[in-house]
Amino acid sequence: MIERQLDIATRDGATTTFITHPEREGPHPVIVFFMDAPAIREELRDMARRFAAVGYYVMLPNLYYREGEMEIGPLSTDPKDPGRIRMTELMNTLSIPMVLSDFDAMVDFAGKDPAADVSRIGTVGYCMSGRFALCAGGHKPGQVKASASIYGVKLVTDKDNSPHLVAKASPAEFYIACAETDHWAPMEMVEQMQKELAGAHGEVELYMGAEHGFAFPKRHCYDRTSAERHWERLFSLFRRNLG
């Protein structure tokens, strides 16, 4: 496997991005992996490696570069913990247009790399970034073939660019995984998505018995059965649409 970490120029500066892909048999379809709120860490790099191991060119950008942050480090579960407060502050600096601008930079960079095939792109986001992954499908409809949100938040809003509406209108196939226990994405939101996206080009799946964060091996709420199911769903989604 090939691995590197480098700065990619964006409209607002440069974002440090972890890239990994197979050494042979390229060019490879691209997966842009949007980080969750606790930021870049080895746990996410390992997940990127798992995507790459089955044949993808994976890009994991730091979305907090505008604030000069990269790796926050271990976080306490105490909501008053300074690190957790800082994480919330950082998370709230991001918007869909900002991250889609970063996404453009990722695609531009990959388009110049002979190891990448930007005619076949998939996106995936966890927690705060589920919305970014879904919206990327509507942002570059000719290139993004599949988009996935795993326990994403703020997927239903009253705005025209509500992620669930973008997913419904996008030609990309979507996959939305939701945890049964998730106060950031309550059941009312899940039920609304299931109703409004019924018959659309994708799936909203509820993971019964799982909590928000179930796919992260280092979390207290990690659930192996649910985590492996989500990998199965993602690999199937990307195989169907990216090859």
Protein backbone atom coordinates (compact mmCIF):
# COMPACT_ATOMS: atom_id res chain seq x y z
CA MET A 1 0.00 0.00 0.00
CA ILE A 2 1.03 3.59 -0.65
CA GLU A 3 0.59 6.13 2.16
CA ARG A 4 1.44 9.80 2.40
CA GLN A 5 0.34 12.89 4.28
CA LEU A 6 0.65 16.25 2.58
CA ASP A 7 -0.87 19.71 2.37
CA ILE A 8 -3.40 20.27 -0.41
CA ALA A 9 -4.10 23.85 -1.48
CA THR A 10 -7.68 25.03 -0.98
CA ARG A 11 -9.54 28.27 -1.52
CA ASP A 12 -8.91 29.20 2.12
CA GLY A 13 -5.37 27.92 2.62
CA ALA A 14 -4.14 24.33 2.71
CA THR A 15 -5.47 21.22 4.40
CA THR A 16 -3.24 18.41 5.61
CA THR A 17 -4.60 15.27 3.98
CA PHE A 18 -3.86 11.60 4.54
CA ILE A 19 -3.88 9.64 1.27
CA THR A 20 -3.63 5.89 0.89
CA HIS A 21 -4.20 3.55 -2.06
CA PRO A 22 -3.01 0.25 -3.53
CA GLU A 23 0.41 0.19 -5.08
CA ARG A 24 -0.69 -1.62 -8.23
CA GLU A 25 -3.52 -1.88 -10.77
CA GLY A 26 -4.50 1.78 -10.81
CA PRO A 27 -5.97 4.18 -11.46
CA HIS A 28 -8.29 3.57 -8.53
CA PRO A 29 -11.74 5.02 -7.83
CA VAL A 30 -11.59 7.81 -5.27
CA ILE A 31 -13.20 7.84 -1.83
CA VAL A 32 -13.21 11.12 0.07
CA PHE A 33 -13.51 10.27 3.74
CA PHE A 34 -14.75 13.21 5.83
CA MET A 35 -13.63 13.14 9.46
CA ASP A 36 -15.95 13.30 12.45
CA ALA A 37 -15.91 16.00 15.13
CA PRO A 38 -12.98 14.63 17.23
CA ALA A 39 -10.72 15.30 14.23
CA ILE A 40 -7.92 13.41 12.54
CA ARG A 41 -6.43 10.50 14.51
CA GLU A 42 -4.92 7.09 13.90
CA GLU A 43 -8.33 5.45 14.30
CA LEU A 44 -9.53 7.26 11.18
CA ARG A 45 -6.32 6.54 9.27
CA ASP A 46 -6.84 2.85 10.00
CA MET A 47 -10.37 3.08 8.61
CA ALA A 48 -9.02 4.82 5.50
CA ARG A 49 -6.54 1.96 5.11
CA ARG A 50 -9.40 -0.53 5.22
CA PHE A 51 -11.08 1.23 2.29
CA ALA A 52 -7.80 1.38 0.40
CA ALA A 53 -7.10 -2.31 0.97
CA VAL A 54 -10.05 -3.26 -1.24
CA GLY A 55 -8.96 -1.07 -4.14
CA TYR A 56 -9.69 2.61 -3.52
CA TYR A 57 -7.72 5.85 -3.55
CA VAL A 58 -8.71 7.31 -0.19
CA MET A 59 -8.39 10.93 0.90
CA LEU A 60 -8.87 11.96 4.55
CA PRO A 61 -8.61 15.76 4.82
CA ASN A 62 -8.30 17.82 8.00
CA LEU A 63 -11.40 20.02 8.01
CA TYR A 64 -10.21 22.18 10.92
CA TYR A 65 -7.21 23.69 9.10
CA ARG A 66 -8.81 27.14 8.97
CA GLU A 67 -8.62 27.22 12.76
CA GLY A 68 -5.05 25.93 12.85
CA GLU A 69 -6.07 22.61 14.43
CA MET A 70 -5.20 19.09 13.31
CA GLU A 71 -5.29 16.41 16.01
CA ILE A 72 -7.22 17.30 19.16
CA GLY A 73 -6.11 14.23 21.08
CA PRO A 74 -8.06 12.05 23.55
CA LEU A 75 -11.34 13.49 24.75
CA SER A 76 -13.12 13.09 28.05
CA THR A 77 -16.81 12.20 28.14
CA ASP A 78 -17.30 15.15 30.51
CA PRO A 79 -19.15 17.88 28.55
CA LYS A 80 -17.23 20.49 30.59
CA ASP A 81 -13.85 19.08 29.53
CA PRO A 82 -11.82 21.85 27.78
CA GLY A 83 -10.97 19.51 24.90
CA ARG A 84 -14.60 18.65 24.31
CA ILE A 85 -15.59 22.31 24.48
CA ARG A 86 -12.90 23.11 21.91
CA MET A 87 -14.16 20.30 19.69
CA THR A 88 -17.66 21.77 19.75
CA GLU A 89 -16.29 25.20 18.88
CA LEU A 90 -14.37 23.76 15.94
CA MET A 91 -17.31 21.73 14.71
CA ASN A 92 -19.50 24.82 14.67
CA THR A 93 -17.06 26.72 12.44
CA LEU A 94 -17.85 24.45 9.50
CA SER A 95 -20.57 24.85 6.90
CA ILE A 96 -21.65 22.83 3.89
CA PRO A 97 -20.32 25.41 1.36
CA MET A 98 -16.93 25.54 3.12
CA VAL A 99 -16.49 21.78 3.10
CA LEU A 100 -17.68 21.46 -0.50
CA SER A 101 -14.99 23.99 -1.41
CA ASP A 102 -12.45 21.70 0.28
CA PHE A 103 -13.96 18.77 -1.59
CA ASP A 104 -13.31 20.59 -4.87
CA ALA A 105 -9.67 20.90 -3.87
CA MET A 106 -9.49 17.16 -3.13
CA VAL A 107 -10.89 16.31 -6.54
CA ASP A 108 -8.60 18.77 -8.31
CA PHE A 109 -5.57 17.26 -6.59
CA ALA A 110 -6.60 13.67 -7.29
CA GLY A 111 -7.30 14.57 -10.90
CA LYS A 112 -3.57 15.21 -11.37
CA ASP A 113 -2.51 11.93 -9.74
CA PRO A 114 -2.23 8.99 -12.18
CA ALA A 115 -3.14 6.63 -9.32
CA ALA A 116 -6.63 8.16 -9.02
CA ASP A 117 -9.70 7.97 -11.24
CA VAL A 118 -11.86 11.01 -10.50
CA SER A 119 -14.59 9.90 -12.89
CA ARG A 120 -15.64 7.48 -10.12
CA ILE A 121 -15.89 9.09 -6.69
CA GLY A 122 -17.52 7.96 -3.49
CA THR A 123 -17.93 9.98 -0.31
CA VAL A 124 -18.43 8.92 3.29
CA GLY A 125 -18.87 10.94 6.45
CA TYR A 126 -19.41 10.09 10.09
CA CYS A 127 -21.28 12.16 12.70
CA MET A 128 -20.87 15.86 11.81
CA SER A 129 -19.68 14.98 8.29
CA GLY A 130 -22.53 12.77 7.14
CA ARG A 131 -24.19 15.87 5.75
CA PHE A 132 -21.04 16.86 3.87
CA ALA A 133 -20.77 13.44 2.25
CA LEU A 134 -24.39 13.50 1.09
CA CYS A 135 -24.16 17.04 -0.25
CA ALA A 136 -21.02 16.19 -2.22
CA GLY A 137 -23.19 13.87 -4.30
CA GLY A 138 -25.29 16.78 -5.49
CA HIS A 139 -22.28 19.07 -5.82
CA LYS A 140 -20.47 16.99 -8.46
CA PRO A 141 -23.23 14.80 -9.89
CA GLY A 142 -21.19 13.71 -12.89
CA GLN A 143 -18.39 12.30 -10.77
CA VAL A 144 -19.77 11.33 -7.36
CA LYS A 145 -21.49 7.99 -7.86
CA ALA A 146 -22.18 7.08 -4.23
CA SER A 147 -22.43 8.91 -0.90
CA ALA A 148 -22.79 7.58 2.62
CA SER A 149 -23.66 9.08 6.00
CA ILE A 150 -22.95 7.04 9.11
CA TYR A 151 -24.86 8.32 12.17
CA GLY A 152 -24.81 11.75 10.54
CA VAL A 153 -26.23 14.81 12.27
CA LYS A 154 -28.20 17.76 10.87
CA LEU A 155 -29.37 15.69 7.92
CA VAL A 156 -32.82 17.28 7.96
CA THR A 157 -33.08 21.06 8.02
CA ASP A 158 -35.55 23.66 6.76
CA LYS A 159 -33.09 24.91 4.14
CA ASP A 160 -33.03 24.21 0.42
CA ASN A 161 -29.68 22.46 0.81
CA SER A 162 -30.91 20.10 3.52
CA PRO A 163 -28.73 17.01 3.08
CA HIS A 164 -31.68 14.64 2.82
CA LEU A 165 -33.15 16.70 -0.02
CA VAL A 166 -29.80 16.83 -1.79
CA ALA A 167 -29.50 13.04 -1.49
CA LYS A 168 -33.00 12.60 -2.87
CA ALA A 169 -32.28 14.76 -5.93
CA SER A 170 -28.73 13.55 -6.57
CA PRO A 171 -28.03 10.84 -9.16
CA ALA A 172 -25.55 9.32 -6.69
CA GLU A 173 -26.78 6.30 -4.77
CA PHE A 174 -26.93 7.15 -1.08
CA TYR A 175 -26.71 5.09 2.08
CA ILE A 176 -27.72 6.55 5.45
CA ALA A 177 -27.01 4.51 8.58
CA CYS A 178 -28.66 5.61 11.82
CA ALA A 179 -28.23 4.39 15.39
CA GLU A 180 -31.24 3.51 17.50
CA THR A 181 -29.81 5.48 20.44
CA ASP A 182 -28.60 8.86 19.23
CA HIS A 183 -29.63 12.15 20.79
CA TRP A 184 -27.74 14.02 18.04
CA ALA A 185 -29.92 12.33 15.43
CA PRO A 186 -33.23 11.58 17.16
CA MET A 187 -35.71 9.00 15.99
CA GLU A 188 -38.02 11.75 14.70
CA MET A 189 -35.35 12.72 12.17
CA VAL A 190 -34.77 9.11 11.17
CA GLU A 191 -38.48 8.51 10.63
CA GLN A 192 -38.81 11.68 8.58
CA MET A 193 -35.94 10.62 6.34
CA GLN A 194 -37.37 7.13 5.94
CA LYS A 195 -40.67 8.66 4.89
CA GLU A 196 -39.34 11.38 2.58
CA LEU A 197 -36.65 9.22 0.97
CA ALA A 198 -38.82 6.17 0.39
CA GLY A 199 -38.41 5.13 -3.23
CA ALA A 200 -35.37 7.34 -3.78
CA HIS A 201 -32.03 6.05 -5.08
CA GLY A 202 -30.68 4.76 -1.80
CA GLU A 203 -31.44 3.46 1.65
CA VAL A 204 -31.99 4.72 5.19
CA GLU A 205 -31.15 1.91 7.61
CA LEU A 206 -31.72 1.90 11.36
CA TYR A 207 -29.21 -0.06 13.44
CA MET A 208 -31.27 -1.44 16.30
CA GLY A 209 -29.43 -1.69 19.61
CA ALA A 210 -26.57 0.51 18.42
CA GLU A 211 -25.47 3.88 19.78
CA HIS A 212 -24.05 6.94 18.07
CA GLY A 213 -20.40 6.18 17.32
CA PHE A 214 -20.86 2.42 16.99
CA ALA A 215 -18.38 2.07 14.09
CA PHE A 216 -15.35 3.54 15.87
CA PRO A 217 -13.22 0.80 17.49
CA LYS A 218 -11.81 3.14 20.15
CA ARG A 219 -15.18 4.37 21.42
CA HIS A 220 -16.94 3.03 24.50
CA CYS A 221 -20.03 2.52 22.33
CA TYR A 222 -18.24 0.43 19.69
CA ASP A 223 -20.46 -2.42 18.57
CA ARG A 224 -18.61 -5.02 16.53
CA THR A 225 -21.69 -6.52 14.88
CA SER A 226 -23.04 -3.14 13.80
CA ALA A 227 -19.60 -1.92 12.76
CA GLU A 228 -19.01 -4.91 10.52
CA ARG A 229 -22.47 -4.54 9.03
CA HIS A 230 -21.70 -0.93 8.15
CA TRP A 231 -18.47 -2.04 6.43
CA GLU A 232 -20.43 -4.62 4.46
CA ARG A 233 -22.96 -1.97 3.39
CA LEU A 234 -20.26 0.53 2.40
CA PHE A 235 -18.19 -1.96 0.42
CA SER A 236 -21.33 -3.10 -1.40
CA LEU A 237 -22.39 0.50 -2.12
CA PHE A 238 -19.01 1.46 -3.52
CA ARG A 239 -18.56 -1.80 -5.44
CA ARG A 240 -21.89 -1.30 -7.21
CA ASN A 241 -21.19 2.29 -8.13
CA LEU A 242 -17.42 2.65 -8.38
CA GLY A 243 -16.33 -0.84 -9.38
